[in-house]
Amino acid sequence: MSRNEFIVTTAVILFAAFLLGWFASWLINRLTRVTRADLNELEAMAQQLHDSEEAREKAIQQLEDRESELVAKLSSTRSELDATREQLTESQTEIEELRDYINRKLARQK
């Protein structure tokens, strides 16, 4: 094999390797390319995620508002209960005093 044949053969092999590499790169790029439909689907999913997060935040806020309302109502109910218990205790004391008074009056009349 002469020097010129060797150079031509090497050039052909290198050119074939270049073409094979370029074709493989083009094929991989073609197969992995993101299409407009994929981008639209991705944008739709991102919007749904955003909407879901907003709905979650709104639900959490409503839950916290409702919880604070219930805590306030519970506190009010407890204070009313305490006041009612105090009045009941006072009424029981007054009833006992009246019973003692009535018993003393009946005992004097006998």
N, C-alpha and C. Protein backbone atom coordinates (compact mmCIF):
# COMPACT_ATOMS: atom_id res chain seq x y z
N MET A 1 0.85 -1.15 0.00
CA MET A 1 0.00 0.00 0.00
C MET A 1 0.91 1.22 0.00
N SER A 2 0.63 2.09 -0.94
CA SER A 2 1.47 3.27 -1.05
C SER A 2 1.00 4.34 -0.08
N ARG A 3 1.83 5.33 -0.03
CA ARG A 3 1.55 6.44 0.88
C ARG A 3 0.25 7.12 0.51
N ASN A 4 -0.03 7.38 -0.74
CA ASN A 4 -1.25 8.05 -1.18
C ASN A 4 -2.48 7.20 -0.89
N GLU A 5 -2.39 5.89 -1.11
CA GLU A 5 -3.52 5.00 -0.81
C GLU A 5 -3.82 4.99 0.68
N PHE A 6 -2.77 4.98 1.48
CA PHE A 6 -2.94 5.01 2.94
C PHE A 6 -3.64 6.30 3.39
N ILE A 7 -3.24 7.44 2.82
CA ILE A 7 -3.85 8.73 3.17
C ILE A 7 -5.31 8.76 2.75
N VAL A 8 -5.60 8.28 1.54
CA VAL A 8 -6.98 8.26 1.05
C VAL A 8 -7.82 7.32 1.90
N THR A 9 -7.31 6.14 2.20
CA THR A 9 -8.05 5.18 3.02
C THR A 9 -8.32 5.75 4.42
N THR A 10 -7.31 6.37 5.01
CA THR A 10 -7.48 7.00 6.32
C THR A 10 -8.50 8.12 6.26
N ALA A 11 -8.43 8.95 5.21
CA ALA A 11 -9.38 10.05 5.05
C ALA A 11 -10.80 9.52 4.91
N VAL A 12 -10.99 8.45 4.13
CA VAL A 12 -12.33 7.86 3.95
C VAL A 12 -12.84 7.31 5.27
N ILE A 13 -11.96 6.61 6.00
CA ILE A 13 -12.38 6.05 7.30
C ILE A 13 -12.75 7.17 8.27
N LEU A 14 -11.94 8.22 8.33
CA LEU A 14 -12.24 9.35 9.23
C LEU A 14 -13.53 10.05 8.81
N PHE A 15 -13.73 10.20 7.49
CA PHE A 15 -14.95 10.83 7.01
C PHE A 15 -16.16 9.98 7.34
N ALA A 16 -16.02 8.64 7.18
CA ALA A 16 -17.12 7.73 7.53
C ALA A 16 -17.40 7.80 9.03
N ALA A 17 -16.36 7.88 9.85
CA ALA A 17 -16.56 7.99 11.30
C ALA A 17 -17.25 9.32 11.64
N PHE A 18 -16.85 10.39 10.94
CA PHE A 18 -17.49 11.69 11.15
C PHE A 18 -18.96 11.61 10.78
N LEU A 19 -19.27 11.02 9.62
CA LEU A 19 -20.67 10.90 9.19
C LEU A 19 -21.47 10.03 10.16
N LEU A 20 -20.89 8.93 10.62
CA LEU A 20 -21.57 8.07 11.57
C LEU A 20 -21.83 8.80 12.89
N GLY A 21 -20.86 9.55 13.36
CA GLY A 21 -21.03 10.34 14.58
C GLY A 21 -22.09 11.43 14.41
N TRP A 22 -22.04 12.11 13.28
CA TRP A 22 -23.02 13.15 13.02
C TRP A 22 -24.42 12.57 12.94
N PHE A 23 -24.57 11.41 12.27
CA PHE A 23 -25.88 10.76 12.15
C PHE A 23 -26.38 10.32 13.53
N ALA A 24 -25.50 9.76 14.34
CA ALA A 24 -25.89 9.33 15.69
C ALA A 24 -26.32 10.54 16.52
N SER A 25 -25.59 11.64 16.42
CA SER A 25 -25.95 12.85 17.14
C SER A 25 -27.30 13.37 16.68
N TRP A 26 -27.53 13.39 15.37
CA TRP A 26 -28.80 13.87 14.83
C TRP A 26 -29.94 12.98 15.29
N LEU A 27 -29.72 11.67 15.29
CA LEU A 27 -30.75 10.72 15.69
C LEU A 27 -31.09 10.88 17.17
N ILE A 28 -30.08 11.00 18.01
CA ILE A 28 -30.32 11.19 19.44
C ILE A 28 -31.04 12.51 19.69
N ASN A 29 -30.60 13.55 19.01
CA ASN A 29 -31.23 14.86 19.15
C ASN A 29 -32.69 14.80 18.69
N ARG A 30 -32.95 14.09 17.63
CA ARG A 30 -34.31 13.96 17.09
C ARG A 30 -35.21 13.20 18.06
N LEU A 31 -34.69 12.16 18.66
CA LEU A 31 -35.49 11.33 19.57
C LEU A 31 -35.73 12.00 20.91
N THR A 32 -34.80 12.81 21.35
CA THR A 32 -34.94 13.43 22.68
C THR A 32 -35.43 14.85 22.62
N ARG A 33 -35.76 15.34 21.45
CA ARG A 33 -36.20 16.73 21.30
C ARG A 33 -37.56 16.91 21.96
N VAL A 34 -37.73 18.03 22.64
CA VAL A 34 -38.99 18.37 23.29
C VAL A 34 -39.90 19.00 22.24
N THR A 35 -41.10 18.44 22.13
CA THR A 35 -42.04 18.95 21.13
C THR A 35 -42.92 20.03 21.73
N ARG A 36 -43.64 20.73 20.89
CA ARG A 36 -44.56 21.79 21.34
C ARG A 36 -45.66 21.18 22.20
N ALA A 37 -46.12 19.99 21.85
CA ALA A 37 -47.16 19.32 22.65
C ALA A 37 -46.64 19.01 24.05
N ASP A 38 -45.38 18.58 24.12
CA ASP A 38 -44.80 18.31 25.44
C ASP A 38 -44.70 19.59 26.26
N LEU A 39 -44.31 20.68 25.62
CA LEU A 39 -44.23 21.96 26.33
C LEU A 39 -45.60 22.42 26.80
N ASN A 40 -46.62 22.25 25.95
CA ASN A 40 -47.98 22.64 26.34
C ASN A 40 -48.48 21.80 27.51
N GLU A 41 -48.17 20.51 27.46
CA GLU A 41 -48.56 19.62 28.55
C GLU A 41 -47.84 20.00 29.84
N LEU A 42 -46.58 20.34 29.72
CA LEU A 42 -45.81 20.75 30.89
C LEU A 42 -46.36 22.06 31.47
N GLU A 43 -46.71 22.99 30.62
CA GLU A 43 -47.30 24.25 31.09
C GLU A 43 -48.64 24.01 31.75
N ALA A 44 -49.45 23.10 31.19
CA ALA A 44 -50.74 22.78 31.80
C ALA A 44 -50.55 22.15 33.17
N MET A 45 -49.57 21.25 33.27
CA MET A 45 -49.29 20.62 34.57
C MET A 45 -48.80 21.65 35.58
N ALA A 46 -47.98 22.59 35.14
CA ALA A 46 -47.49 23.63 36.03
C ALA A 46 -48.64 24.51 36.50
N GLN A 47 -49.56 24.82 35.62
CA GLN A 47 -50.73 25.63 36.00
C GLN A 47 -51.62 24.89 36.99
N GLN A 48 -51.82 23.59 36.75
CA GLN A 48 -52.61 22.79 37.68
C GLN A 48 -51.94 22.73 39.05
N LEU A 49 -50.63 22.58 39.06
CA LEU A 49 -49.90 22.57 40.33
C LEU A 49 -50.06 23.89 41.05
N HIS A 50 -49.94 24.98 40.32
CA HIS A 50 -50.09 26.31 40.90
C HIS A 50 -51.50 26.48 41.48
N ASP A 51 -52.50 26.07 40.71
CA ASP A 51 -53.89 26.17 41.18
C ASP A 51 -54.12 25.31 42.42
N SER A 52 -53.52 24.13 42.43
CA SER A 52 -53.66 23.24 43.58
C SER A 52 -53.01 23.84 44.83
N GLU A 53 -51.85 24.45 44.64
CA GLU A 53 -51.18 25.08 45.78
C GLU A 53 -52.00 26.25 46.31
N GLU A 54 -52.59 27.04 45.42
CA GLU A 54 -53.44 28.16 45.85
C GLU A 54 -54.66 27.64 46.60
N ALA A 55 -55.28 26.56 46.09
CA ALA A 55 -56.44 25.98 46.76
C ALA A 55 -56.04 25.44 48.13
N ARG A 56 -54.87 24.84 48.22
CA ARG A 56 -54.39 24.33 49.50
C ARG A 56 -54.18 25.46 50.50
N GLU A 57 -53.54 26.53 50.04
CA GLU A 57 -53.32 27.67 50.92
C GLU A 57 -54.64 28.28 51.38
N LYS A 58 -55.60 28.36 50.47
CA LYS A 58 -56.92 28.90 50.82
C LYS A 58 -57.61 28.00 51.84
N ALA A 59 -57.52 26.69 51.65
CA ALA A 59 -58.13 25.75 52.58
C ALA A 59 -57.47 25.84 53.96
N ILE A 60 -56.16 25.98 53.97
CA ILE A 60 -55.45 26.12 55.25
C ILE A 60 -55.88 27.41 55.95
N GLN A 61 -56.00 28.49 55.20
CA GLN A 61 -56.42 29.77 55.79
C GLN A 61 -57.83 29.66 56.35
N GLN A 62 -58.74 29.02 55.60
CA GLN A 62 -60.11 28.84 56.08
C GLN A 62 -60.12 27.99 57.35
N LEU A 63 -59.30 26.96 57.36
CA LEU A 63 -59.22 26.10 58.54
C LEU A 63 -58.72 26.88 59.75
N GLU A 64 -57.68 27.70 59.55
CA GLU A 64 -57.16 28.49 60.65
C GLU A 64 -58.19 29.52 61.13
N ASP A 65 -58.92 30.13 60.20
CA ASP A 65 -59.96 31.09 60.58
C ASP A 65 -61.05 30.40 61.38
N ARG A 66 -61.47 29.24 60.91
CA ARG A 66 -62.53 28.49 61.61
C ARG A 66 -62.04 28.06 62.99
N GLU A 67 -60.79 27.65 63.07
CA GLU A 67 -60.23 27.24 64.36
C GLU A 67 -60.21 28.41 65.33
N SER A 68 -59.81 29.58 64.87
CA SER A 68 -59.79 30.74 65.77
C SER A 68 -61.20 31.12 66.20
N GLU A 69 -62.18 31.00 65.29
CA GLU A 69 -63.57 31.27 65.66
C GLU A 69 -64.04 30.29 66.74
N LEU A 70 -63.72 29.02 66.56
CA LEU A 70 -64.14 28.01 67.53
C LEU A 70 -63.45 28.19 68.87
N VAL A 71 -62.18 28.58 68.84
CA VAL A 71 -61.47 28.83 70.10
C VAL A 71 -62.10 30.00 70.84
N ALA A 72 -62.45 31.06 70.10
CA ALA A 72 -63.10 32.21 70.72
C ALA A 72 -64.46 31.82 71.28
N LYS A 73 -65.21 31.03 70.52
CA LYS A 73 -66.54 30.60 70.98
C LYS A 73 -66.41 29.70 72.22
N LEU A 74 -65.41 28.81 72.22
CA LEU A 74 -65.18 27.95 73.37
C LEU A 74 -64.82 28.77 74.60
N SER A 75 -63.98 29.77 74.42
CA SER A 75 -63.61 30.63 75.53
C SER A 75 -64.83 31.36 76.08
N SER A 76 -65.66 31.87 75.20
CA SER A 76 -66.88 32.56 75.62
C SER A 76 -67.81 31.61 76.35
N THR A 77 -67.95 30.41 75.82
CA THR A 77 -68.83 29.42 76.45
C THR A 77 -68.30 29.03 77.83
N ARG A 78 -66.99 28.89 77.93
CA ARG A 78 -66.41 28.55 79.25
C ARG A 78 -66.64 29.67 80.27
N SER A 79 -66.49 30.90 79.83
CA SER A 79 -66.73 32.01 80.77
C SER A 79 -68.20 32.06 81.17
N GLU A 80 -69.10 31.79 80.23
CA GLU A 80 -70.53 31.74 80.57
C GLU A 80 -70.81 30.59 81.53
N LEU A 81 -70.16 29.46 81.31
CA LEU A 81 -70.33 28.31 82.19
C LEU A 81 -69.83 28.64 83.60
N ASP A 82 -68.69 29.27 83.69
CA ASP A 82 -68.16 29.66 85.00
C ASP A 82 -69.12 30.62 85.71
N ALA A 83 -69.65 31.59 84.97
CA ALA A 83 -70.59 32.54 85.57
C ALA A 83 -71.86 31.82 86.03
N THR A 84 -72.34 30.88 85.23
CA THR A 84 -73.55 30.12 85.59
C THR A 84 -73.29 29.26 86.82
N ARG A 85 -72.13 28.64 86.90
CA ARG A 85 -71.79 27.83 88.08
C ARG A 85 -71.74 28.71 89.33
N GLU A 86 -71.15 29.89 89.18
CA GLU A 86 -71.06 30.80 90.33
C GLU A 86 -72.46 31.21 90.78
N GLN A 87 -73.34 31.52 89.83
CA GLN A 87 -74.71 31.90 90.18
C GLN A 87 -75.44 30.73 90.82
N LEU A 88 -75.21 29.52 90.32
CA LEU A 88 -75.84 28.33 90.89
C LEU A 88 -75.36 28.11 92.32
N THR A 89 -74.09 28.30 92.56
CA THR A 89 -73.56 28.16 93.92
C THR A 89 -74.18 29.19 94.85
N GLU A 90 -74.29 30.42 94.37
CA GLU A 90 -74.94 31.47 95.17
C GLU A 90 -76.40 31.14 95.45
N SER A 91 -77.08 30.60 94.43
CA SER A 91 -78.49 30.22 94.62
C SER A 91 -78.62 29.09 95.62
N GLN A 92 -77.73 28.11 95.55
CA GLN A 92 -77.78 27.00 96.51
C GLN A 92 -77.53 27.51 97.93
N THR A 93 -76.61 28.43 98.07
CA THR A 93 -76.34 29.02 99.39
C THR A 93 -77.57 29.76 99.90
N GLU A 94 -78.19 30.51 99.02
CA GLU A 94 -79.40 31.26 99.41
C GLU A 94 -80.53 30.32 99.78
N ILE A 95 -80.69 29.21 99.04
CA ILE A 95 -81.73 28.23 99.34
C ILE A 95 -81.48 27.62 100.72
N GLU A 96 -80.23 27.28 101.02
CA GLU A 96 -79.91 26.72 102.33
C GLU A 96 -80.23 27.71 103.44
N GLU A 97 -79.92 28.99 103.22
CA GLU A 97 -80.22 30.02 104.21
C GLU A 97 -81.72 30.14 104.42
N LEU A 98 -82.48 30.08 103.32
CA LEU A 98 -83.94 30.17 103.44
C LEU A 98 -84.50 28.94 104.16
N ARG A 99 -83.95 27.76 103.87
CA ARG A 99 -84.41 26.55 104.57
C ARG A 99 -84.14 26.67 106.07
N ASP A 100 -82.96 27.13 106.41
CA ASP A 100 -82.64 27.30 107.82
C ASP A 100 -83.60 28.31 108.47
N TYR A 101 -83.89 29.39 107.77
CA TYR A 101 -84.80 30.41 108.29
C TYR A 101 -86.19 29.83 108.51
N ILE A 102 -86.67 29.06 107.50
CA ILE A 102 -88.01 28.45 107.61
C ILE A 102 -88.03 27.45 108.75
N ASN A 103 -86.98 26.63 108.86
CA ASN A 103 -86.92 25.63 109.95
C ASN A 103 -86.92 26.32 111.33
N ARG A 104 -86.20 27.45 111.42
CA ARG A 104 -86.19 28.18 112.70
C ARG A 104 -87.55 28.76 113.02
N LYS A 105 -88.25 29.28 112.02
CA LYS A 105 -89.61 29.84 112.23
C LYS A 105 -90.57 28.75 112.65
N LEU A 106 -90.47 27.59 111.99
CA LEU A 106 -91.37 26.48 112.35
C LEU A 106 -91.04 25.96 113.75
N ALA A 107 -89.78 25.95 114.10
CA ALA A 107 -89.40 25.47 115.42
C ALA A 107 -89.90 26.42 116.50
N ARG A 108 -89.96 27.73 116.27
CA ARG A 108 -90.45 28.70 117.23
C ARG A 108 -91.96 28.59 117.41
N GLN A 109 -92.64 28.23 116.33
CA GLN A 109 -94.09 28.14 116.41
C GLN A 109 -94.55 26.92 117.19
N LYS A 110 -93.78 25.94 117.32
CA LYS A 110 -94.20 24.72 118.03
C LYS A 110 -94.05 24.85 119.47
